[in-house]
Amino acid sequence: MPHQVVDKYTSPQQEPHHQKPIVLTIAGSDSSGGAGIQADIKAISATGGYACSVITALTAQNTQGVTAVHPTPQAMIQAQLDAVFSDLAVTSVKVGMLGDSETIRTVAAALRKYQPQHLVVDPVMVTANGDMLLADDAVHCLRTELLPLADVITPNLPEAAALLGVAIPEHLSEVEALFSGLQQLDCKAVLIKGGFLQQEARSPDWLLMGEQVRCFDTPRVMTGNTHGTGCTLSAALASYLGQGFSLEEAVERAKHYIDQAILAGSLVRIGHGRGPVGHFFATK
């Protein structure tokens, strides 16, 4: 009888002989490999999913910043979407960098057509180095076209502030003041990431579901190697949702994964700026 391998990330709802859940990431490419499509594929693979991708833009970037962005033509984005959905049984989708209103509309139309079971939207607007990745006039389009389709969105503090048109919060009390506005957004749930609260010794994230608020609070890893943390967290979340975990359990697992990945990345020096996290910390 052949030896049977059971993945430790496999959910109880998944039979061992079934293939891994297929998770699609729709995002931009990062030439340095630490964020975007590359980070998503690593995170999905490391957490037990099968990763496929639709590339919305090519970026020339490294750990120090973005030097050029080349948007993918709309016809090519549409061709990638149709190719993936027409052949692969996609269970879960993560959406990252889209860049402009036209791309948002193309992606939103495809998601309405193909209706994946789970959708995680990371409203990528600005990098950790301050580089803008979403045109200003596209924020309204993002709110009206894409957010209503999402099971959960995962903004960091600058992105949450941009969605609401307010100043970026710098203290815990200011973050909590955003909750009511975020709960009014037309989406099912919001996972707001508190990593930008650099003065805090801990790294809290808050899951807003209707009127409910749950805080996922862990000790902060003191490191400058945080390139791609938002991409990695949202991709891991999509992977766990695709495996059948509830939203709260998927968030808890994704939070644990990114914490361990940041810790692993803090021990490695890659590049001269903000280094990437260690996606495959469990692999020797």
Protein backbone atom coordinates (compact mmCIF):
# COMPACT_ATOMS: atom_id res chain seq x y z
CA MET A 1 0.00 0.00 0.00
CA PRO A 2 1.55 3.36 -0.99
CA HIS A 3 2.62 5.72 1.76
CA GLN A 4 0.08 8.49 2.32
CA VAL A 5 1.32 12.00 3.09
CA VAL A 6 -1.06 14.36 4.89
CA ASP A 7 -0.20 18.07 4.71
CA LYS A 8 -0.25 19.69 8.15
CA TYR A 9 -2.17 22.64 6.68
CA THR A 10 -4.94 20.42 5.28
CA SER A 11 -8.34 21.26 6.70
CA PRO A 12 -10.56 18.56 8.21
CA GLN A 13 -12.98 19.10 5.31
CA GLN A 14 -10.39 18.08 2.71
CA GLU A 15 -9.89 14.37 1.97
CA PRO A 16 -6.21 13.33 1.72
CA HIS A 17 -6.55 12.08 -1.88
CA HIS A 18 -8.03 15.35 -3.14
CA GLN A 19 -5.80 17.97 -4.72
CA LYS A 20 -4.88 21.10 -2.83
CA PRO A 21 -7.30 24.03 -3.09
CA ILE A 22 -6.52 26.25 -6.06
CA VAL A 23 -5.90 29.85 -5.04
CA LEU A 24 -5.63 32.62 -7.64
CA THR A 25 -3.66 35.77 -6.99
CA ILE A 26 -4.41 38.82 -9.14
CA ALA A 27 -1.65 41.36 -8.56
CA GLY A 28 1.49 43.06 -9.85
CA SER A 29 4.90 41.49 -10.25
CA ASP A 30 7.80 42.45 -7.96
CA SER A 31 11.14 41.99 -9.71
CA SER A 32 12.93 41.59 -6.37
CA GLY A 33 10.67 38.67 -5.39
CA GLY A 34 9.62 39.98 -1.98
CA ALA A 35 6.12 41.32 -2.63
CA GLY A 36 3.31 41.14 -5.18
CA ILE A 37 2.73 38.01 -7.26
CA GLN A 38 6.00 36.44 -6.14
CA ALA A 39 5.21 36.82 -2.43
CA ASP A 40 1.66 35.60 -2.99
CA ILE A 41 2.77 32.42 -4.76
CA LYS A 42 5.26 31.69 -1.99
CA ALA A 43 2.69 32.28 0.78
CA ILE A 44 -0.06 30.25 -0.90
CA SER A 45 2.35 27.37 -1.52
CA ALA A 46 3.77 27.46 2.02
CA THR A 47 0.29 27.39 3.59
CA GLY A 48 -1.02 24.43 1.64
CA GLY A 49 -2.63 25.82 -1.50
CA TYR A 50 -1.93 25.54 -5.23
CA ALA A 51 -1.10 29.02 -6.55
CA CYS A 52 -1.99 30.40 -9.96
CA SER A 53 -1.75 34.03 -11.07
CA VAL A 54 -2.96 36.92 -13.18
CA ILE A 55 -0.34 39.66 -13.51
CA THR A 56 -1.80 43.17 -13.64
CA ALA A 57 1.47 45.09 -13.94
CA LEU A 58 5.22 44.70 -14.17
CA THR A 59 7.18 46.72 -11.63
CA ALA A 60 10.87 47.42 -11.49
CA GLN A 61 11.52 47.41 -7.77
CA ASN A 62 13.80 46.17 -5.07
CA THR A 63 14.07 46.44 -1.30
CA GLN A 64 14.71 50.19 -1.61
CA GLY A 65 11.74 51.20 -3.74
CA VAL A 66 9.86 51.13 -7.03
CA THR A 67 11.59 52.69 -10.05
CA ALA A 68 9.14 51.86 -12.84
CA VAL A 69 5.63 50.45 -13.37
CA HIS A 70 4.33 49.02 -16.66
CA PRO A 71 0.59 48.20 -16.59
CA THR A 72 -0.52 45.02 -18.31
CA PRO A 73 -2.83 45.74 -21.30
CA GLN A 74 -6.47 45.10 -20.47
CA ALA A 75 -6.84 42.47 -23.19
CA MET A 76 -3.97 40.50 -21.65
CA ILE A 77 -5.45 40.76 -18.15
CA GLN A 78 -8.76 39.49 -19.52
CA ALA A 79 -7.02 36.67 -21.39
CA GLN A 80 -5.23 35.54 -18.23
CA LEU A 81 -8.45 35.62 -16.22
CA ASP A 82 -10.34 33.59 -18.81
CA ALA A 83 -7.49 31.10 -19.19
CA VAL A 84 -7.32 30.41 -15.47
CA PHE A 85 -11.05 30.30 -14.70
CA SER A 86 -11.97 28.26 -17.79
CA ASP A 87 -9.62 25.42 -16.82
CA LEU A 88 -8.81 25.51 -13.10
CA ALA A 89 -11.32 24.96 -10.30
CA VAL A 90 -10.39 28.11 -8.41
CA THR A 91 -11.64 28.03 -4.83
CA SER A 92 -10.28 31.30 -3.50
CA VAL A 93 -8.99 34.57 -4.98
CA LYS A 94 -6.68 37.21 -3.57
CA VAL A 95 -6.62 40.60 -5.32
CA GLY A 96 -3.67 42.93 -4.79
CA MET A 97 -2.22 45.72 -6.94
CA LEU A 98 -4.57 46.85 -9.71
CA GLY A 99 -3.20 50.30 -10.49
CA ASP A 100 -6.08 52.10 -12.21
CA SER A 101 -9.84 52.22 -12.68
CA GLU A 102 -9.81 50.34 -15.98
CA THR A 103 -8.03 47.36 -14.42
CA ILE A 104 -10.35 47.41 -11.41
CA ARG A 105 -13.39 47.23 -13.71
CA THR A 106 -11.88 44.40 -15.77
CA VAL A 107 -11.10 42.33 -12.69
CA ALA A 108 -14.43 43.08 -10.99
CA ALA A 109 -16.38 42.04 -14.10
CA ALA A 110 -14.49 38.73 -14.25
CA LEU A 111 -15.12 38.05 -10.57
CA ARG A 112 -18.83 38.72 -11.03
CA LYS A 113 -18.84 36.36 -14.01
CA TYR A 114 -16.89 33.47 -12.47
CA GLN A 115 -18.01 33.95 -8.83
CA PRO A 116 -15.20 32.29 -6.84
CA GLN A 117 -16.22 30.96 -3.45
CA HIS A 118 -13.87 33.24 -1.48
CA LEU A 119 -12.45 36.68 -2.28
CA VAL A 120 -9.80 38.56 -0.31
CA VAL A 121 -9.04 42.10 -1.47
CA ASP A 122 -5.82 43.76 -0.37
CA PRO A 123 -6.43 47.40 -1.43
CA VAL A 124 -2.83 48.07 -2.45
CA MET A 125 -2.31 51.81 -2.73
CA VAL A 126 1.15 52.56 -1.36
CA THR A 127 4.31 50.58 -0.59
CA ALA A 128 6.04 50.59 2.80
CA ASN A 129 8.60 52.93 1.21
CA GLY A 130 5.87 55.44 0.29
CA ASP A 131 5.63 54.65 -3.42
CA MET A 132 2.09 55.09 -4.79
CA LEU A 133 0.71 52.03 -6.58
CA LEU A 134 -2.89 53.14 -7.16
CA ALA A 135 -4.00 56.24 -9.06
CA ASP A 136 -5.89 58.73 -6.89
CA ASP A 137 -8.98 58.66 -9.12
CA ALA A 138 -9.17 54.86 -8.81
CA VAL A 139 -9.97 54.83 -5.08
CA HIS A 140 -13.67 55.53 -5.69
CA CYS A 141 -13.78 52.83 -8.37
CA LEU A 142 -12.19 50.37 -5.96
CA ARG A 143 -14.82 51.15 -3.33
CA THR A 144 -17.79 50.83 -5.66
CA GLU A 145 -16.71 48.07 -8.07
CA LEU A 146 -14.57 45.65 -6.06
CA LEU A 147 -15.12 45.99 -2.33
CA PRO A 148 -18.79 44.89 -2.50
CA LEU A 149 -17.63 41.55 -3.94
CA ALA A 150 -15.12 40.85 -1.16
CA ASP A 151 -15.50 38.50 1.78
CA VAL A 152 -12.80 40.52 3.53
CA ILE A 153 -10.51 43.44 2.71
CA THR A 154 -7.10 43.84 4.34
CA PRO A 155 -6.00 47.50 4.40
CA ASN A 156 -3.02 48.74 6.34
CA LEU A 157 -3.42 52.02 8.20
CA PRO A 158 -2.51 54.35 5.27
CA GLU A 159 -4.85 52.39 2.99
CA ALA A 160 -7.67 52.44 5.54
CA ALA A 161 -7.24 56.19 5.88
CA ALA A 162 -7.26 56.63 2.09
CA LEU A 163 -10.46 54.60 1.76
CA LEU A 164 -12.14 56.90 4.27
CA GLY A 165 -10.48 60.14 3.16
CA VAL A 166 -8.98 60.88 6.58
CA ALA A 167 -5.52 61.39 8.06
CA ILE A 168 -3.33 58.37 8.71
CA PRO A 169 -3.68 57.35 12.37
CA GLU A 170 -0.52 57.40 14.46
CA HIS A 171 -1.85 56.18 17.81
CA LEU A 172 -4.04 53.32 18.95
CA SER A 173 -6.94 55.60 19.86
CA GLU A 174 -6.90 57.09 16.36
CA VAL A 175 -7.03 53.62 14.82
CA GLU A 176 -10.10 52.74 16.88
CA ALA A 177 -11.75 55.94 15.65
CA LEU A 178 -11.63 54.49 12.12
CA PHE A 179 -13.67 51.42 13.01
CA SER A 180 -17.12 52.95 12.51
CA GLY A 181 -16.20 54.34 9.10
CA LEU A 182 -14.68 51.05 7.95
CA GLN A 183 -17.77 49.18 9.14
CA GLN A 184 -19.82 51.38 6.79
CA LEU A 185 -17.88 50.21 3.73
CA ASP A 186 -19.83 48.00 1.36
CA CYS A 187 -17.99 44.73 2.13
CA LYS A 188 -18.58 41.81 4.46
CA ALA A 189 -15.55 42.20 6.73
CA VAL A 190 -12.41 44.31 7.20
CA LEU A 191 -9.07 43.14 8.57
CA ILE A 192 -7.20 46.33 9.43
CA LYS A 193 -3.46 45.81 9.91
CA GLY A 194 -1.73 47.74 12.68
CA GLY A 195 1.86 47.21 11.60
CA PHE A 196 2.38 50.93 10.92
CA LEU A 197 1.99 51.71 14.65
CA GLN A 198 5.75 51.61 15.02
CA GLN A 199 5.73 53.10 18.51
CA GLU A 200 3.84 50.08 19.82
CA ALA A 201 5.65 47.07 21.28
CA ARG A 202 2.95 44.81 19.91
CA SER A 203 1.48 44.29 16.44
CA PRO A 204 -2.33 44.24 16.62
CA ASP A 205 -4.68 43.56 13.72
CA TRP A 206 -8.45 44.04 14.01
CA LEU A 207 -11.14 42.00 12.28
CA LEU A 208 -14.36 43.97 11.84
CA MET A 209 -17.42 41.84 11.06
CA GLY A 210 -20.57 43.92 11.16
CA GLU A 211 -20.64 45.45 14.63
CA GLN A 212 -18.20 42.87 16.01
CA VAL A 213 -14.52 43.66 16.52
CA ARG A 214 -11.90 41.02 17.29
CA CYS A 215 -8.28 41.94 17.95
CA PHE A 216 -5.46 39.59 16.95
CA ASP A 217 -2.59 40.88 19.05
CA THR A 218 0.96 39.49 18.98
CA PRO A 219 4.41 40.77 20.02
CA ARG A 220 6.08 42.93 17.40
CA VAL A 221 9.20 41.53 15.74
CA MET A 222 11.69 44.38 15.73
CA THR A 223 13.10 44.25 12.20
CA GLY A 224 13.35 46.36 9.08
CA ASN A 225 12.72 43.34 6.87
CA THR A 226 9.02 43.87 6.24
CA HIS A 227 8.89 44.04 2.43
CA GLY A 228 5.79 42.23 1.24
CA THR A 229 4.14 41.63 4.60
CA GLY A 230 0.71 42.84 3.45
CA CYS A 231 0.80 40.76 0.28
CA THR A 232 1.92 37.71 2.24
CA LEU A 233 -0.77 38.03 4.91
CA SER A 234 -3.64 38.46 2.43
CA ALA A 235 -2.41 35.58 0.25
CA ALA A 236 -2.14 33.28 3.27
CA LEU A 237 -5.64 34.34 4.32
CA ALA A 238 -7.01 33.46 0.88
CA SER A 239 -5.21 30.12 1.05
CA TYR A 240 -6.72 29.20 4.41
CA LEU A 241 -10.21 30.30 3.34
CA GLY A 242 -9.81 28.07 0.29
CA GLN A 243 -9.06 25.15 2.60
CA GLY A 244 -12.42 25.54 4.30
CA PHE A 245 -11.52 27.41 7.47
CA SER A 246 -13.91 30.02 8.84
CA LEU A 247 -12.93 33.66 8.44
CA GLU A 248 -11.86 34.03 12.06
CA GLU A 249 -9.81 30.84 12.03
CA ALA A 250 -8.28 31.73 8.66
CA VAL A 251 -7.26 35.15 10.03
CA GLU A 252 -5.77 33.54 13.13
CA ARG A 253 -3.75 31.10 11.03
CA ALA A 254 -2.64 33.80 8.56
CA LYS A 255 -1.59 36.06 11.44
CA HIS A 256 0.49 33.25 12.94
CA TYR A 257 2.04 32.53 9.54
CA ILE A 258 3.07 36.14 8.86
CA ASP A 259 4.48 36.55 12.38
CA GLN A 260 6.69 33.50 11.88
CA ALA A 261 7.66 34.63 8.38
CA ILE A 262 8.69 38.08 9.68
CA LEU A 263 10.74 36.44 12.42
CA ALA A 264 12.48 34.20 9.90
CA GLY A 265 13.10 37.12 7.55
CA SER A 266 14.66 39.16 10.34
CA LEU A 267 17.56 36.68 10.45
CA VAL A 268 18.46 37.05 6.76
CA ARG A 269 19.99 39.97 4.87
CA ILE A 270 18.64 40.39 1.32
CA GLY A 271 19.13 43.72 -0.43
CA HIS A 272 20.10 47.08 1.05
CA GLY A 273 16.66 48.30 2.12
CA ARG A 274 13.56 46.64 3.55
CA GLY A 275 14.27 42.95 3.12
CA PRO A 276 11.57 40.32 2.50
CA VAL A 277 9.99 37.98 5.01
CA GLY A 278 10.92 34.29 5.20
CA HIS A 279 7.98 32.61 3.47
CA PHE A 280 9.32 29.08 3.79
CA PHE A 281 10.40 29.21 7.44
CA ALA A 282 9.02 25.69 8.00
CA THR A 283 11.26 24.24 5.25
CA LYS A 284 14.79 23.34 6.24
